[in-house]
């Protein structure tokens, strides 16, 4: 009943405002109709007895690691290419947790630039995220298309390996990262970073193998 009491109070305040501001009587019918429609809508859909609770987001945000973006920029030529605007928009959608929108953004870029291995690589990443961090058949097809378009570029195998790593398949990630390192420019910053990550991955795999032998 408290909700309806406040509704009645608001109606009285609105009526007092009409008198205070001397609304022309010719407009009173419009104001009255608006108030009546508002009250009817509240009576129809209002739930004043419903306990309050904090709003919860419809989707969970996804952490888009700055280190991954920085490495991607070094691998793919920075943020000043025709593909970059789609990557930035995709990152923004991923941060909100909307993997479907992020995927659609990249698909729009692919329709405009079907030969962009950069966008096909990002499509593979987004599809894997959208499918619950799993290397689903659509994600796998996107990564393979990226590698067909740029067979000598390290980015597609690296990010395909990263998708496998996020899925928990470390063994599948290792040969892809080895391939990415082999295709990297010797001595480049990104080659050193890939080598460092590959070394850590090798250590984790070695520890897992020793643990399996111990059992």
N, C-alpha and C. Protein backbone atom coordinates (compact mmCIF):
# COMPACT_ATOMS: atom_id res chain seq x y z
N UNK A 1 0.82 -1.21 0.00
CA UNK A 1 0.00 0.00 0.00
C UNK A 1 0.85 1.26 0.00
N UNK A 2 2.09 1.16 0.45
CA UNK A 2 2.94 2.35 0.50
C UNK A 2 3.13 2.93 -0.89
N UNK A 3 3.28 2.04 -1.88
CA UNK A 3 3.48 2.52 -3.25
C UNK A 3 2.29 3.32 -3.74
N UNK A 4 1.10 2.86 -3.45
CA UNK A 4 -0.10 3.57 -3.89
C UNK A 4 -0.28 4.88 -3.12
N UNK A 5 0.17 4.90 -1.85
CA UNK A 5 0.12 6.15 -1.08
C UNK A 5 1.00 7.21 -1.71
N UNK A 6 2.22 6.81 -2.11
CA UNK A 6 3.12 7.75 -2.77
C UNK A 6 2.55 8.18 -4.13
N UNK A 7 1.87 7.27 -4.81
CA UNK A 7 1.25 7.62 -6.09
C UNK A 7 0.20 8.70 -5.90
N UNK A 8 -0.64 8.54 -4.85
CA UNK A 8 -1.65 9.55 -4.57
C UNK A 8 -1.01 10.88 -4.20
N UNK A 9 0.09 10.82 -3.42
CA UNK A 9 0.80 12.03 -3.03
C UNK A 9 1.37 12.75 -4.25
N UNK A 10 1.94 11.99 -5.16
CA UNK A 10 2.47 12.60 -6.38
C UNK A 10 1.37 13.25 -7.20
N UNK A 11 0.18 12.60 -7.23
CA UNK A 11 -0.94 13.20 -7.94
C UNK A 11 -1.35 14.53 -7.35
N UNK A 12 -1.40 14.59 -6.01
CA UNK A 12 -1.74 15.85 -5.34
C UNK A 12 -0.69 16.93 -5.62
N UNK A 13 0.60 16.53 -5.59
CA UNK A 13 1.66 17.49 -5.88
C UNK A 13 1.56 18.00 -7.31
N UNK A 14 1.23 17.11 -8.24
CA UNK A 14 1.07 17.54 -9.63
C UNK A 14 -0.09 18.51 -9.77
N UNK A 15 -1.20 18.23 -9.07
CA UNK A 15 -2.35 19.13 -9.12
C UNK A 15 -2.00 20.49 -8.54
N UNK A 16 -1.22 20.49 -7.42
CA UNK A 16 -0.80 21.76 -6.82
C UNK A 16 0.10 22.54 -7.76
N UNK A 17 0.97 21.80 -8.51
CA UNK A 17 1.85 22.49 -9.47
C UNK A 17 1.05 23.14 -10.58
N UNK A 18 -0.04 22.49 -11.00
CA UNK A 18 -0.90 23.10 -12.04
C UNK A 18 -1.48 24.42 -11.55
N UNK A 19 -1.89 24.44 -10.28
CA UNK A 19 -2.45 25.67 -9.73
C UNK A 19 -1.37 26.73 -9.55
N UNK A 20 -0.19 26.29 -9.06
CA UNK A 20 0.89 27.23 -8.79
C UNK A 20 1.37 27.92 -10.05
N UNK A 21 1.53 27.15 -11.13
CA UNK A 21 2.04 27.72 -12.38
C UNK A 21 0.93 28.24 -13.29
N UNK A 22 -0.32 28.20 -12.78
CA UNK A 22 -1.47 28.79 -13.49
C UNK A 22 -1.57 28.27 -14.92
N UNK A 23 -1.58 26.95 -15.02
CA UNK A 23 -1.74 26.34 -16.34
C UNK A 23 -3.11 26.72 -16.90
N UNK A 24 -3.19 27.16 -18.16
CA UNK A 24 -4.49 27.52 -18.75
C UNK A 24 -5.47 26.36 -18.64
N UNK A 25 -6.73 26.70 -18.32
CA UNK A 25 -7.74 25.66 -18.11
C UNK A 25 -7.96 24.84 -19.38
N UNK A 26 -7.64 25.43 -20.54
CA UNK A 26 -7.81 24.67 -21.78
C UNK A 26 -6.86 23.48 -21.87
N UNK A 27 -5.76 23.52 -21.07
CA UNK A 27 -4.78 22.43 -21.11
C UNK A 27 -4.94 21.46 -19.95
N UNK A 28 -5.90 21.74 -19.06
CA UNK A 28 -6.06 20.87 -17.91
C UNK A 28 -6.47 19.46 -18.32
N UNK A 29 -7.25 19.35 -19.38
CA UNK A 29 -7.69 18.02 -19.81
C UNK A 29 -6.50 17.17 -20.26
N UNK A 30 -5.51 17.81 -20.95
CA UNK A 30 -4.31 17.07 -21.38
C UNK A 30 -3.49 16.64 -20.18
N UNK A 31 -3.31 17.58 -19.22
CA UNK A 31 -2.54 17.24 -18.03
C UNK A 31 -3.23 16.14 -17.23
N UNK A 32 -4.55 16.24 -17.11
CA UNK A 32 -5.28 15.22 -16.38
C UNK A 32 -5.17 13.86 -17.05
N UNK A 33 -5.24 13.85 -18.39
CA UNK A 33 -5.12 12.59 -19.11
C UNK A 33 -3.74 11.96 -18.90
N UNK A 34 -2.70 12.81 -18.91
CA UNK A 34 -1.35 12.29 -18.69
C UNK A 34 -1.21 11.68 -17.30
N UNK A 35 -1.73 12.38 -16.30
CA UNK A 35 -1.68 11.85 -14.93
C UNK A 35 -2.46 10.54 -14.81
N UNK A 36 -3.63 10.51 -15.45
CA UNK A 36 -4.46 9.31 -15.38
C UNK A 36 -3.76 8.12 -16.03
N UNK A 37 -3.12 8.36 -17.20
CA UNK A 37 -2.42 7.26 -17.88
C UNK A 37 -1.25 6.75 -17.05
N UNK A 38 -0.53 7.70 -16.41
CA UNK A 38 0.57 7.28 -15.55
C UNK A 38 0.10 6.44 -14.38
N UNK A 39 -1.00 6.87 -13.74
CA UNK A 39 -1.54 6.12 -12.61
C UNK A 39 -2.05 4.75 -13.06
N UNK A 40 -2.70 4.71 -14.24
CA UNK A 40 -3.20 3.44 -14.73
C UNK A 40 -2.06 2.48 -15.04
N UNK A 41 -1.00 3.00 -15.61
CA UNK A 41 0.16 2.15 -15.91
C UNK A 41 0.79 1.59 -14.65
N UNK A 42 0.88 2.43 -13.61
CA UNK A 42 1.45 1.94 -12.35
C UNK A 42 0.56 0.88 -11.72
N UNK A 43 -0.77 1.14 -11.75
CA UNK A 43 -1.70 0.16 -11.17
C UNK A 43 -1.65 -1.16 -11.92
N UNK A 44 -1.34 -1.09 -13.23
CA UNK A 44 -1.31 -2.31 -14.05
C UNK A 44 -0.02 -3.09 -13.85
N UNK A 45 1.14 -2.38 -13.90
CA UNK A 45 2.43 -3.06 -13.89
C UNK A 45 3.25 -2.83 -12.62
N UNK A 46 2.85 -1.88 -11.80
CA UNK A 46 3.62 -1.58 -10.60
C UNK A 46 3.59 -2.73 -9.60
N UNK A 47 4.72 -2.93 -8.94
CA UNK A 47 4.82 -3.99 -7.92
C UNK A 47 5.46 -3.40 -6.67
N UNK A 48 4.72 -2.55 -5.93
CA UNK A 48 5.31 -1.86 -4.78
C UNK A 48 5.75 -2.79 -3.65
N UNK A 49 5.19 -3.99 -3.60
CA UNK A 49 5.56 -4.92 -2.53
C UNK A 49 6.83 -5.70 -2.85
N UNK A 50 7.33 -5.58 -4.05
CA UNK A 50 8.52 -6.33 -4.45
C UNK A 50 9.73 -5.79 -3.71
N UNK A 51 10.48 -6.64 -3.01
CA UNK A 51 11.65 -6.13 -2.27
C UNK A 51 12.72 -5.61 -3.22
N UNK A 52 13.42 -4.60 -2.76
CA UNK A 52 14.48 -3.99 -3.58
C UNK A 52 15.69 -4.89 -3.62
N UNK A 53 16.41 -4.86 -4.74
CA UNK A 53 17.67 -5.61 -4.85
C UNK A 53 18.53 -4.90 -5.87
N UNK A 54 19.85 -4.98 -5.71
CA UNK A 54 20.74 -4.28 -6.66
C UNK A 54 20.61 -4.85 -8.06
N UNK A 55 20.74 -3.95 -9.05
CA UNK A 55 20.67 -4.39 -10.44
C UNK A 55 21.88 -5.24 -10.78
N UNK A 56 21.67 -6.26 -11.58
CA UNK A 56 22.76 -7.12 -12.02
C UNK A 56 22.91 -7.00 -13.52
N UNK A 57 24.15 -6.91 -14.03
CA UNK A 57 24.33 -6.78 -15.47
C UNK A 57 23.89 -8.04 -16.21
N UNK A 58 23.40 -7.85 -17.43
CA UNK A 58 22.95 -8.99 -18.23
C UNK A 58 24.11 -9.84 -18.70
N UNK A 59 25.28 -9.23 -18.85
CA UNK A 59 26.45 -9.97 -19.29
C UNK A 59 27.62 -9.69 -18.35
N UNK A 60 28.56 -10.60 -18.30
CA UNK A 60 29.74 -10.43 -17.48
C UNK A 60 30.84 -9.78 -18.32
N UNK A 61 31.46 -8.70 -17.81
CA UNK A 61 32.55 -8.08 -18.56
C UNK A 61 33.70 -9.06 -18.79
N UNK A 62 34.39 -8.88 -19.89
CA UNK A 62 35.55 -9.71 -20.21
C UNK A 62 36.80 -8.85 -20.09
N UNK A 63 37.77 -9.35 -19.38
CA UNK A 63 39.02 -8.61 -19.22
C UNK A 63 39.81 -8.66 -20.53
N UNK A 64 39.99 -7.50 -21.14
CA UNK A 64 40.81 -7.40 -22.35
C UNK A 64 42.18 -6.91 -21.91
N UNK A 65 43.12 -7.84 -21.77
CA UNK A 65 44.41 -7.51 -21.17
C UNK A 65 45.18 -6.49 -22.01
N UNK A 66 45.64 -5.41 -21.37
CA UNK A 66 46.44 -4.41 -22.11
C UNK A 66 47.69 -5.01 -22.75
N UNK A 67 48.27 -6.03 -22.07
CA UNK A 67 49.48 -6.65 -22.62
C UNK A 67 49.18 -7.36 -23.93
N UNK A 68 48.02 -8.01 -24.00
CA UNK A 68 47.64 -8.71 -25.22
C UNK A 68 47.39 -7.71 -26.34
N UNK A 69 46.71 -6.60 -26.02
CA UNK A 69 46.45 -5.58 -27.04
C UNK A 69 47.76 -4.97 -27.53
N UNK A 70 48.68 -4.70 -26.59
CA UNK A 70 49.96 -4.12 -26.99
C UNK A 70 50.73 -5.06 -27.91
N UNK A 71 50.73 -6.36 -27.58
CA UNK A 71 51.41 -7.33 -28.44
C UNK A 71 50.70 -7.43 -29.78
N UNK A 72 49.38 -7.41 -29.77
CA UNK A 72 48.62 -7.46 -31.03
C UNK A 72 48.97 -6.26 -31.92
N UNK A 73 49.07 -5.08 -31.31
CA UNK A 73 49.41 -3.89 -32.09
C UNK A 73 50.80 -4.02 -32.72
N UNK A 74 51.75 -4.59 -31.95
CA UNK A 74 53.10 -4.75 -32.50
C UNK A 74 53.12 -5.80 -33.61
N UNK A 75 52.35 -6.86 -33.42
CA UNK A 75 52.30 -7.91 -34.42
C UNK A 75 51.61 -7.47 -35.70
N UNK A 76 50.55 -6.67 -35.56
CA UNK A 76 49.69 -6.38 -36.70
C UNK A 76 49.85 -4.96 -37.25
N UNK A 77 50.87 -4.26 -36.83
CA UNK A 77 51.14 -2.98 -37.46
C UNK A 77 50.54 -1.77 -36.79
N UNK A 78 50.19 -1.89 -35.50
CA UNK A 78 49.71 -0.72 -34.77
C UNK A 78 48.23 -0.45 -34.95
N UNK A 79 47.83 0.75 -34.54
CA UNK A 79 46.41 1.13 -34.55
C UNK A 79 46.08 2.11 -35.66
N UNK A 80 46.93 2.18 -36.66
CA UNK A 80 46.72 3.16 -37.72
C UNK A 80 46.52 2.48 -39.06
N UNK A 81 45.91 1.30 -39.04
CA UNK A 81 45.58 0.60 -40.27
C UNK A 81 44.07 0.65 -40.47
N UNK A 82 43.62 0.25 -41.64
CA UNK A 82 42.18 0.28 -41.93
C UNK A 82 41.42 -0.71 -41.05
N UNK A 83 42.11 -1.75 -40.59
CA UNK A 83 41.46 -2.76 -39.75
C UNK A 83 41.31 -2.31 -38.30
N UNK A 84 42.14 -1.32 -37.90
CA UNK A 84 42.27 -1.00 -36.48
C UNK A 84 40.96 -0.53 -35.86
N UNK A 85 40.16 0.24 -36.61
CA UNK A 85 38.91 0.75 -36.03
C UNK A 85 37.99 -0.39 -35.62
N UNK A 86 37.99 -1.45 -36.40
CA UNK A 86 37.14 -2.61 -36.05
C UNK A 86 37.68 -3.33 -34.82
N UNK A 87 39.00 -3.38 -34.68
CA UNK A 87 39.58 -4.01 -33.50
C UNK A 87 39.26 -3.22 -32.24
N UNK A 88 39.36 -1.89 -32.32
CA UNK A 88 39.05 -1.04 -31.17
C UNK A 88 37.59 -1.19 -30.76
N UNK A 89 36.70 -1.18 -31.75
CA UNK A 89 35.27 -1.36 -31.45
C UNK A 89 35.01 -2.74 -30.86
N UNK A 90 35.70 -3.75 -31.38
CA UNK A 90 35.54 -5.11 -30.85
C UNK A 90 36.00 -5.18 -29.40
N UNK A 91 37.12 -4.55 -29.10
CA UNK A 91 37.61 -4.53 -27.71
C UNK A 91 36.59 -3.88 -26.79
N UNK A 92 35.97 -2.80 -27.24
CA UNK A 92 34.98 -2.11 -26.41
C UNK A 92 33.79 -3.01 -26.12
N UNK A 93 33.34 -3.76 -27.12
CA UNK A 93 32.22 -4.67 -26.91
C UNK A 93 32.60 -5.82 -25.97
N UNK A 94 33.83 -6.32 -26.10
CA UNK A 94 34.27 -7.41 -25.24
C UNK A 94 34.34 -6.95 -23.78
N UNK A 95 34.76 -5.71 -23.56
CA UNK A 95 34.84 -5.21 -22.18
C UNK A 95 33.48 -5.18 -21.51
N UNK A 96 32.42 -5.01 -22.28
CA UNK A 96 31.08 -5.03 -21.71
C UNK A 96 30.54 -6.46 -21.57
N UNK A 97 31.28 -7.43 -22.10
CA UNK A 97 30.83 -8.81 -22.05
C UNK A 97 29.96 -9.22 -23.22
N UNK A 98 29.77 -8.33 -24.18
CA UNK A 98 28.88 -8.62 -25.32
C UNK A 98 29.70 -9.24 -26.45
N UNK A 99 29.96 -10.53 -26.33
CA UNK A 99 30.77 -11.21 -27.33
C UNK A 99 30.06 -11.30 -28.68
N UNK A 100 28.72 -11.35 -28.65
CA UNK A 100 27.98 -11.42 -29.91
C UNK A 100 28.16 -10.11 -30.69
N UNK A 101 28.06 -8.97 -30.00
CA UNK A 101 28.25 -7.68 -30.67
C UNK A 101 29.68 -7.53 -31.16
N UNK A 102 30.64 -7.98 -30.36
CA UNK A 102 32.04 -7.92 -30.78
C UNK A 102 32.27 -8.72 -32.04
N UNK A 103 31.64 -9.88 -32.12
CA UNK A 103 31.76 -10.72 -33.31
C UNK A 103 31.12 -10.05 -34.52
N UNK A 104 29.96 -9.43 -34.32
CA UNK A 104 29.29 -8.76 -35.42
C UNK A 104 30.09 -7.57 -35.94
N UNK A 105 30.76 -6.86 -35.04
CA UNK A 105 31.61 -5.74 -35.45
C UNK A 105 32.71 -6.23 -36.40
N UNK A 106 33.36 -7.33 -36.01
CA UNK A 106 34.45 -7.86 -36.83
C UNK A 106 33.92 -8.41 -38.15
N UNK A 107 32.76 -9.06 -38.11
CA UNK A 107 32.17 -9.55 -39.35
C UNK A 107 31.85 -8.40 -40.30
N UNK A 108 31.43 -7.26 -39.76
CA UNK A 108 31.22 -6.08 -40.60
C UNK A 108 32.50 -5.63 -41.27
N UNK A 109 33.60 -5.69 -40.53
CA UNK A 109 34.89 -5.35 -41.12
C UNK A 109 35.31 -6.33 -42.20
N UNK A 110 35.04 -7.62 -41.97
CA UNK A 110 35.40 -8.64 -42.97
C UNK A 110 34.58 -8.46 -44.24
N UNK A 111 33.31 -8.06 -44.10
CA UNK A 111 32.51 -7.79 -45.31
C UNK A 111 33.12 -6.66 -46.12
N UNK A 112 33.70 -5.69 -45.43
CA UNK A 112 34.34 -4.56 -46.13
C UNK A 112 35.73 -4.93 -46.63
N UNK A 113 36.45 -5.77 -45.87
CA UNK A 113 37.82 -6.15 -46.22
C UNK A 113 37.98 -7.66 -46.08
N UNK A 114 37.44 -8.44 -47.00
CA UNK A 114 37.46 -9.90 -46.84
C UNK A 114 38.86 -10.51 -46.85
N UNK A 115 39.83 -9.77 -47.35
CA UNK A 115 41.19 -10.29 -47.39
C UNK A 115 42.04 -9.93 -46.19
N UNK A 116 41.44 -9.37 -45.14
CA UNK A 116 42.20 -8.94 -43.97
C UNK A 116 42.45 -10.12 -43.02
N UNK A 117 43.68 -10.59 -42.97
CA UNK A 117 44.00 -11.67 -42.04
C UNK A 117 43.88 -11.18 -40.59
N UNK A 118 44.06 -9.88 -40.40
CA UNK A 118 43.94 -9.30 -39.06
C UNK A 118 42.52 -9.50 -38.53
N UNK A 119 41.53 -9.19 -39.35
CA UNK A 119 40.15 -9.32 -38.91
C UNK A 119 39.73 -10.78 -38.78
N UNK A 120 40.22 -11.64 -39.65
CA UNK A 120 39.92 -13.06 -39.51
C UNK A 120 40.52 -13.62 -38.22
N UNK A 121 41.71 -13.14 -37.87
CA UNK A 121 42.32 -13.57 -36.61
C UNK A 121 41.49 -13.12 -35.42
N UNK A 122 41.05 -11.86 -35.44
CA UNK A 122 40.21 -11.36 -34.35
C UNK A 122 38.87 -12.06 -34.31
N UNK A 123 38.35 -12.42 -35.48
CA UNK A 123 37.09 -13.16 -35.51
C UNK A 123 37.24 -14.50 -34.81
N UNK A 124 38.36 -15.18 -35.05
CA UNK A 124 38.61 -16.45 -34.36
C UNK A 124 38.65 -16.26 -32.85
N UNK A 125 39.33 -15.20 -32.40
CA UNK A 125 39.39 -14.91 -30.97
C UNK A 125 38.01 -14.65 -30.40
N UNK A 126 37.22 -13.81 -31.08
CA UNK A 126 35.90 -13.46 -30.57
C UNK A 126 34.95 -14.65 -30.55
N UNK A 127 35.03 -15.48 -31.59
CA UNK A 127 34.15 -16.66 -31.63
C UNK A 127 34.51 -17.64 -30.51
N UNK A 128 35.79 -17.80 -30.24
CA UNK A 128 36.20 -18.68 -29.15
C UNK A 128 35.68 -18.15 -27.81
N UNK A 129 35.78 -16.84 -27.60
CA UNK A 129 35.26 -16.23 -26.38
C UNK A 129 33.74 -16.39 -26.30
N UNK A 130 33.08 -16.17 -27.43
CA UNK A 130 31.61 -16.27 -27.47
C UNK A 130 31.14 -17.69 -27.16
N UNK A 131 31.94 -18.68 -27.53
CA UNK A 131 31.57 -20.07 -27.32
C UNK A 131 32.11 -20.62 -26.00
N UNK A 132 32.31 -19.72 -25.03
CA UNK A 132 32.72 -20.16 -23.70
C UNK A 132 34.18 -20.50 -23.57
N UNK A 133 35.04 -19.73 -24.24
CA UNK A 133 36.49 -19.98 -24.20
C UNK A 133 36.82 -21.37 -24.72
N UNK A 134 36.15 -21.77 -25.78
CA UNK A 134 36.42 -23.06 -26.41
C UNK A 134 36.77 -22.85 -27.88
N UNK A 135 37.65 -23.70 -28.39
CA UNK A 135 38.00 -23.64 -29.80
C UNK A 135 36.90 -24.35 -30.59
N UNK A 136 35.82 -23.63 -30.82
CA UNK A 136 34.68 -24.20 -31.53
C UNK A 136 34.99 -24.30 -33.02
N UNK A 137 34.23 -25.09 -33.77
CA UNK A 137 34.48 -25.18 -35.22
C UNK A 137 34.46 -23.83 -35.94
N UNK A 138 33.53 -22.90 -35.63
CA UNK A 138 33.60 -21.59 -36.31
C UNK A 138 34.88 -20.83 -35.98
N UNK A 139 35.31 -20.88 -34.72
CA UNK A 139 36.55 -20.20 -34.35
C UNK A 139 37.74 -20.81 -35.07
N UNK A 140 37.78 -22.14 -35.12
CA UNK A 140 38.87 -22.83 -35.81
C UNK A 140 38.90 -22.47 -37.29
N UNK A 141 37.73 -22.39 -37.91
CA UNK A 141 37.66 -22.04 -39.34
C UNK A 141 38.16 -20.62 -39.57
N UNK A 142 37.85 -19.70 -38.65
CA UNK A 142 38.30 -18.31 -38.80
C UNK A 142 39.82 -18.21 -38.70
N UNK A 143 40.40 -18.91 -37.71
CA UNK A 143 41.86 -18.88 -37.57
C UNK A 143 42.54 -19.51 -38.79
N UNK A 144 41.99 -20.59 -39.30
CA UNK A 144 42.59 -21.23 -40.48
C UNK A 144 42.51 -20.33 -41.70
N UNK A 145 41.42 -19.59 -41.83
CA UNK A 145 41.32 -18.64 -42.95
C UNK A 145 42.37 -17.54 -42.81
N UNK A 146 42.59 -17.08 -41.58
CA UNK A 146 43.63 -16.07 -41.35
C UNK A 146 45.01 -16.59 -41.76
N UNK A 147 45.28 -17.86 -41.43
CA UNK A 147 46.58 -18.45 -41.78
C UNK A 147 46.70 -18.71 -43.28
N UNK A 148 45.59 -18.97 -43.94
CA UNK A 148 45.63 -19.12 -45.40
C UNK A 148 45.94 -17.77 -46.06
N UNK A 149 45.37 -16.70 -45.51
CA UNK A 149 45.59 -15.38 -46.08
C UNK A 149 47.00 -14.87 -45.81
N UNK A 150 47.57 -15.24 -44.67
CA UNK A 150 48.91 -14.75 -44.32
C UNK A 150 49.73 -15.90 -43.73
N UNK A 151 50.14 -16.85 -44.58
CA UNK A 151 50.83 -18.04 -44.06
C UNK A 151 52.19 -17.75 -43.43
N UNK A 152 52.77 -16.59 -43.72
CA UNK A 152 54.09 -16.28 -43.20
C UNK A 152 54.04 -15.25 -42.06
N UNK A 153 52.84 -14.95 -41.57
CA UNK A 153 52.72 -13.96 -40.50
C UNK A 153 52.54 -14.66 -39.16
N UNK A 154 53.18 -14.15 -38.10
CA UNK A 154 53.10 -14.84 -36.80
C UNK A 154 51.79 -14.63 -36.05
N UNK A 155 51.01 -13.61 -36.41
CA UNK A 155 49.83 -13.28 -35.61
C UNK A 155 48.76 -14.39 -35.59
N UNK A 156 48.36 -14.94 -36.75
CA UNK A 156 47.31 -15.98 -36.68
C UNK A 156 47.67 -17.18 -35.82
N UNK A 157 48.88 -17.79 -35.99
CA UNK A 157 49.17 -18.92 -35.10
C UNK A 157 49.31 -18.52 -33.64
N UNK A 158 49.82 -17.31 -33.38
CA UNK A 158 49.96 -16.90 -31.99
C UNK A 158 48.60 -16.79 -31.31
N UNK A 159 47.65 -16.09 -31.95
CA UNK A 159 46.35 -15.89 -31.31
C UNK A 159 45.50 -17.16 -31.33
N UNK A 160 45.74 -18.01 -32.28
CA UNK A 160 45.08 -19.32 -32.25
C UNK A 160 45.61 -20.12 -31.05
N UNK A 161 46.90 -20.06 -30.82
CA UNK A 161 47.48 -20.71 -29.65
C UNK A 161 46.95 -20.12 -28.35
N UNK A 162 46.76 -18.79 -28.33
CA UNK A 162 46.22 -18.15 -27.14
C UNK A 162 44.79 -18.61 -26.86
N UNK A 163 44.02 -18.80 -27.92
CA UNK A 163 42.65 -19.30 -27.75
C UNK A 163 42.66 -20.72 -27.17
N UNK A 164 43.59 -21.55 -27.66
CA UNK A 164 43.71 -22.90 -27.09
C UNK A 164 44.14 -22.83 -25.63
N UNK A 165 45.04 -21.90 -25.32
CA UNK A 165 45.50 -21.75 -23.94
C UNK A 165 44.34 -21.37 -23.03
N UNK A 166 43.50 -20.43 -23.46
CA UNK A 166 42.34 -20.03 -22.66
C UNK A 166 41.36 -21.18 -22.49
N UNK A 167 41.33 -22.08 -23.47
CA UNK A 167 40.45 -23.25 -23.38
C UNK A 167 41.02 -24.34 -22.50
N UNK A 168 42.26 -24.16 -22.05
CA UNK A 168 42.90 -25.16 -21.20
C UNK A 168 43.67 -26.23 -21.95
N UNK A 169 43.78 -26.08 -23.27
CA UNK A 169 44.50 -27.07 -24.08
C UNK A 169 45.91 -26.56 -24.34
N UNK A 170 46.77 -26.71 -23.34
CA UNK A 170 48.12 -26.19 -23.44
C UNK A 170 48.94 -26.91 -24.50
N UNK A 171 48.72 -28.21 -24.63
CA UNK A 171 49.49 -28.99 -25.60
C UNK A 171 49.22 -28.52 -27.03
N UNK A 172 47.97 -28.12 -27.32
CA UNK A 172 47.65 -27.63 -28.66
C UNK A 172 48.23 -26.25 -28.90
N UNK A 173 48.38 -25.46 -27.83
CA UNK A 173 48.91 -24.10 -27.97
C UNK A 173 50.41 -24.11 -28.30
N UNK A 174 51.14 -25.07 -27.78
CA UNK A 174 52.60 -25.05 -27.89
C UNK A 174 53.10 -25.04 -29.34
N UNK A 175 52.69 -25.96 -30.23
CA UNK A 175 53.22 -25.92 -31.60
C UNK A 175 52.83 -24.64 -32.35
N UNK A 176 51.69 -24.09 -32.01
CA UNK A 176 51.27 -22.85 -32.67
C UNK A 176 52.17 -21.69 -32.25
N UNK A 177 52.52 -21.64 -30.97
CA UNK A 177 53.42 -20.58 -30.51
C UNK A 177 54.83 -20.79 -31.04
N UNK A 178 55.25 -22.02 -31.19
CA UNK A 178 56.56 -22.27 -31.80
C UNK A 178 56.57 -21.80 -33.25
N UNK A 179 55.47 -22.03 -33.94
CA UNK A 179 55.37 -21.56 -35.32
C UNK A 179 55.37 -20.04 -35.37
N UNK A 180 54.64 -19.40 -34.46
CA UNK A 180 54.60 -17.94 -34.42
C UNK A 180 55.99 -17.37 -34.17
N UNK A 181 56.74 -18.00 -33.27
CA UNK A 181 58.09 -17.53 -32.99
C UNK A 181 58.99 -17.70 -34.20
N UNK A 182 58.86 -18.81 -34.90
CA UNK A 182 59.67 -19.05 -36.10
C UNK A 182 59.37 -18.05 -37.20
N UNK A 183 58.14 -17.56 -37.26
CA UNK A 183 57.76 -16.60 -38.29
C UNK A 183 58.03 -15.15 -37.90
N UNK A 184 58.43 -14.93 -36.64
CA UNK A 184 58.66 -13.57 -36.15
C UNK A 184 60.00 -13.03 -36.63
N UNK A 185 60.05 -11.71 -36.76
CA UNK A 185 61.30 -11.06 -37.14
C UNK A 185 62.32 -11.24 -36.02
N UNK A 186 63.49 -11.80 -36.31
CA UNK A 186 64.49 -12.03 -35.25
C UNK A 186 64.88 -10.73 -34.54
N UNK A 187 64.91 -10.79 -33.22
CA UNK A 187 65.31 -9.64 -32.43
C UNK A 187 64.22 -8.61 -32.19
N UNK A 188 63.04 -8.80 -32.76
CA UNK A 188 61.96 -7.83 -32.56
C UNK A 188 61.39 -7.96 -31.15
N UNK A 189 60.76 -6.89 -30.70
CA UNK A 189 60.18 -6.90 -29.36
C UNK A 189 59.12 -7.99 -29.22
N UNK A 190 58.30 -8.14 -30.26
CA UNK A 190 57.24 -9.13 -30.14
C UNK A 190 57.79 -10.56 -30.18
N UNK A 191 58.92 -10.75 -30.90
CA UNK A 191 59.54 -12.08 -30.92
C UNK A 191 60.06 -12.44 -29.53
N UNK A 192 60.63 -11.46 -28.85
CA UNK A 192 61.12 -11.71 -27.48
C UNK A 192 59.97 -12.03 -26.54
N UNK A 193 58.84 -11.36 -26.71
CA UNK A 193 57.70 -11.61 -25.86
C UNK A 193 57.10 -12.99 -26.11
N UNK A 194 56.99 -13.36 -27.37
CA UNK A 194 56.48 -14.70 -27.69
C UNK A 194 57.42 -15.77 -27.15
N UNK A 195 58.73 -15.53 -27.27
CA UNK A 195 59.71 -16.49 -26.75
C UNK A 195 59.58 -16.63 -25.23
N UNK A 196 59.36 -15.52 -24.55
CA UNK A 196 59.20 -15.57 -23.09
C UNK A 196 57.95 -16.37 -22.71
N UNK A 197 56.84 -16.12 -23.41
CA UNK A 197 55.61 -16.84 -23.11
C UNK A 197 55.74 -18.32 -23.44
N UNK A 198 56.45 -18.62 -24.52
CA UNK A 198 56.64 -20.01 -24.90
C UNK A 198 57.49 -20.74 -23.86
N UNK A 199 58.48 -20.05 -23.30
CA UNK A 199 59.31 -20.65 -22.26
C UNK A 199 58.48 -20.98 -21.02
N UNK A 200 57.60 -20.04 -20.64
CA UNK A 200 56.72 -20.30 -19.49
C UNK A 200 55.78 -21.47 -19.77
N UNK A 201 55.27 -21.52 -20.99
CA UNK A 201 54.37 -22.62 -21.34
C UNK A 201 55.11 -23.96 -21.28
N UNK A 202 56.34 -23.99 -21.77
CA UNK A 202 57.14 -25.22 -21.72
C UNK A 202 57.35 -25.67 -20.28
N UNK A 203 57.59 -24.71 -19.38
CA UNK A 203 57.81 -25.06 -17.98
C UNK A 203 56.55 -25.65 -17.36
N UNK A 204 55.39 -25.04 -17.68
CA UNK A 204 54.13 -25.55 -17.14
C UNK A 204 53.87 -26.96 -17.66
N UNK A 205 54.11 -27.19 -18.95
CA UNK A 205 53.90 -28.52 -19.52
C UNK A 205 54.86 -29.54 -18.91
N UNK A 206 56.10 -29.12 -18.66
CA UNK A 206 57.07 -30.03 -18.06
C UNK A 206 56.66 -30.39 -16.64
N UNK A 207 56.18 -29.40 -15.88
CA UNK A 207 55.72 -29.68 -14.51
C UNK A 207 54.52 -30.63 -14.52
N UNK A 208 53.61 -30.44 -15.48
CA UNK A 208 52.46 -31.30 -15.58
C UNK A 208 52.88 -32.73 -15.91
N UNK A 209 53.88 -32.84 -16.79
CA UNK A 209 54.36 -34.18 -17.17
C UNK A 209 55.00 -34.88 -15.99
N UNK A 210 55.79 -34.13 -15.19
CA UNK A 210 56.42 -34.74 -14.01
C UNK A 210 55.38 -35.16 -12.99
N UNK A 211 54.33 -34.33 -12.85
CA UNK A 211 53.27 -34.68 -11.92
C UNK A 211 52.53 -35.94 -12.36
N UNK A 212 52.33 -36.08 -13.66
CA UNK A 212 51.65 -37.28 -14.16
C UNK A 212 52.50 -38.53 -13.93
N UNK A 213 53.83 -38.39 -14.10
CA UNK A 213 54.72 -39.54 -13.88
C UNK A 213 54.76 -39.93 -12.41
N UNK A 214 54.69 -38.93 -11.53
CA UNK A 214 54.75 -39.20 -10.10
C UNK A 214 53.53 -39.97 -9.62
N UNK A 215 52.40 -39.75 -10.29
CA UNK A 215 51.18 -40.49 -9.92
C UNK A 215 51.24 -41.93 -10.41
